[in-house]
Amino acid sequence: MKLDPKTKGMMIEHIKAHNNYPTTRDDIIAACENMSEFTREQKDWFASALPAGTFRNADEVIRAVKW
């Protein structure tokens, strides 16, 4: 899925601001579920793009989804 720059920027901001690191993929996905700013399709894309694991910081998450 190709994200427009605005949506991508909003997702990055949420990754940085709405997670306590270190955190796991499951915790990140759970936090995303409550965000009304994103469509179901966008949330599903993010969930499929983020590999399993524990992330020490937002930069690791961003790299993991290949942004």
Protein backbone atom coordinates (compact mmCIF):
# COMPACT_ATOMS: atom_id res chain seq x y z
CA MET A 1 0.00 0.00 0.00
CA LYS A 2 1.32 3.41 -0.88
CA LEU A 3 0.69 5.99 1.81
CA ASP A 4 0.33 9.65 0.95
CA PRO A 5 2.93 11.86 2.65
CA LYS A 6 0.40 13.31 5.13
CA THR A 7 -0.76 9.88 6.33
CA LYS A 8 2.80 8.60 6.53
CA GLY A 9 3.78 11.63 8.61
CA MET A 10 0.81 11.11 10.93
CA MET A 11 1.75 7.45 11.41
CA ILE A 12 5.35 8.33 12.21
CA GLU A 13 4.20 10.93 14.73
CA HIS A 14 1.96 8.35 16.42
CA ILE A 15 4.80 5.80 16.48
CA LYS A 16 6.97 8.38 18.24
CA ALA A 17 4.40 9.82 20.64
CA HIS A 18 2.01 7.02 21.56
CA ASN A 19 4.29 4.18 22.58
CA ASN A 20 6.50 3.57 25.58
CA TYR A 21 9.76 1.98 24.50
CA PRO A 22 10.93 -0.70 24.55
CA THR A 23 7.70 -2.18 23.20
CA THR A 24 6.55 -5.15 21.18
CA ARG A 25 4.83 -5.43 17.84
CA ASP A 26 1.65 -6.60 19.58
CA ASP A 27 1.62 -3.56 21.88
CA ILE A 28 2.14 -1.18 18.95
CA ILE A 29 -0.66 -2.80 16.95
CA ALA A 30 -2.99 -2.64 19.98
CA ALA A 31 -2.25 1.09 20.40
CA CYS A 32 -3.03 1.68 16.72
CA GLU A 33 -6.44 0.06 17.00
CA ASN A 34 -7.78 2.99 19.03
CA MET A 35 -6.72 5.65 16.55
CA SER A 36 -9.60 7.02 14.52
CA GLU A 37 -7.27 9.02 12.25
CA PHE A 38 -6.48 5.93 10.19
CA THR A 39 -8.67 3.73 8.05
CA ARG A 40 -9.02 0.00 8.61
CA GLU A 41 -7.03 -0.55 5.42
CA GLN A 42 -4.16 1.62 6.69
CA LYS A 43 -4.14 -0.13 10.08
CA ASP A 44 -4.15 -3.55 8.40
CA TRP A 45 -1.30 -2.52 6.10
CA PHE A 46 0.77 -1.33 9.06
CA ALA A 47 0.07 -4.54 10.98
CA SER A 48 1.21 -6.64 8.02
CA ALA A 49 4.30 -4.48 7.42
CA LEU A 50 5.56 -4.53 11.02
CA PRO A 51 7.48 -7.71 11.81
CA ALA A 52 7.29 -9.50 15.14
CA GLY A 53 9.78 -8.42 17.74
CA THR A 54 10.65 -5.92 20.42
CA PHE A 55 11.58 -2.39 19.43
CA ARG A 56 13.86 -0.20 21.53
CA ASN A 57 12.70 3.08 19.99
CA ALA A 58 10.55 4.66 17.27
CA ASP A 59 13.41 4.66 14.77
CA GLU A 60 13.56 0.87 14.92
CA VAL A 61 9.84 0.67 14.16
CA ILE A 62 10.18 3.08 11.24
CA ARG A 63 13.08 1.07 9.81
CA ALA A 64 11.16 -2.18 10.31
CA VAL A 65 8.30 -1.03 8.09
CA LYS A 66 10.92 0.12 5.54
CA TRP A 67 10.19 3.85 5.54
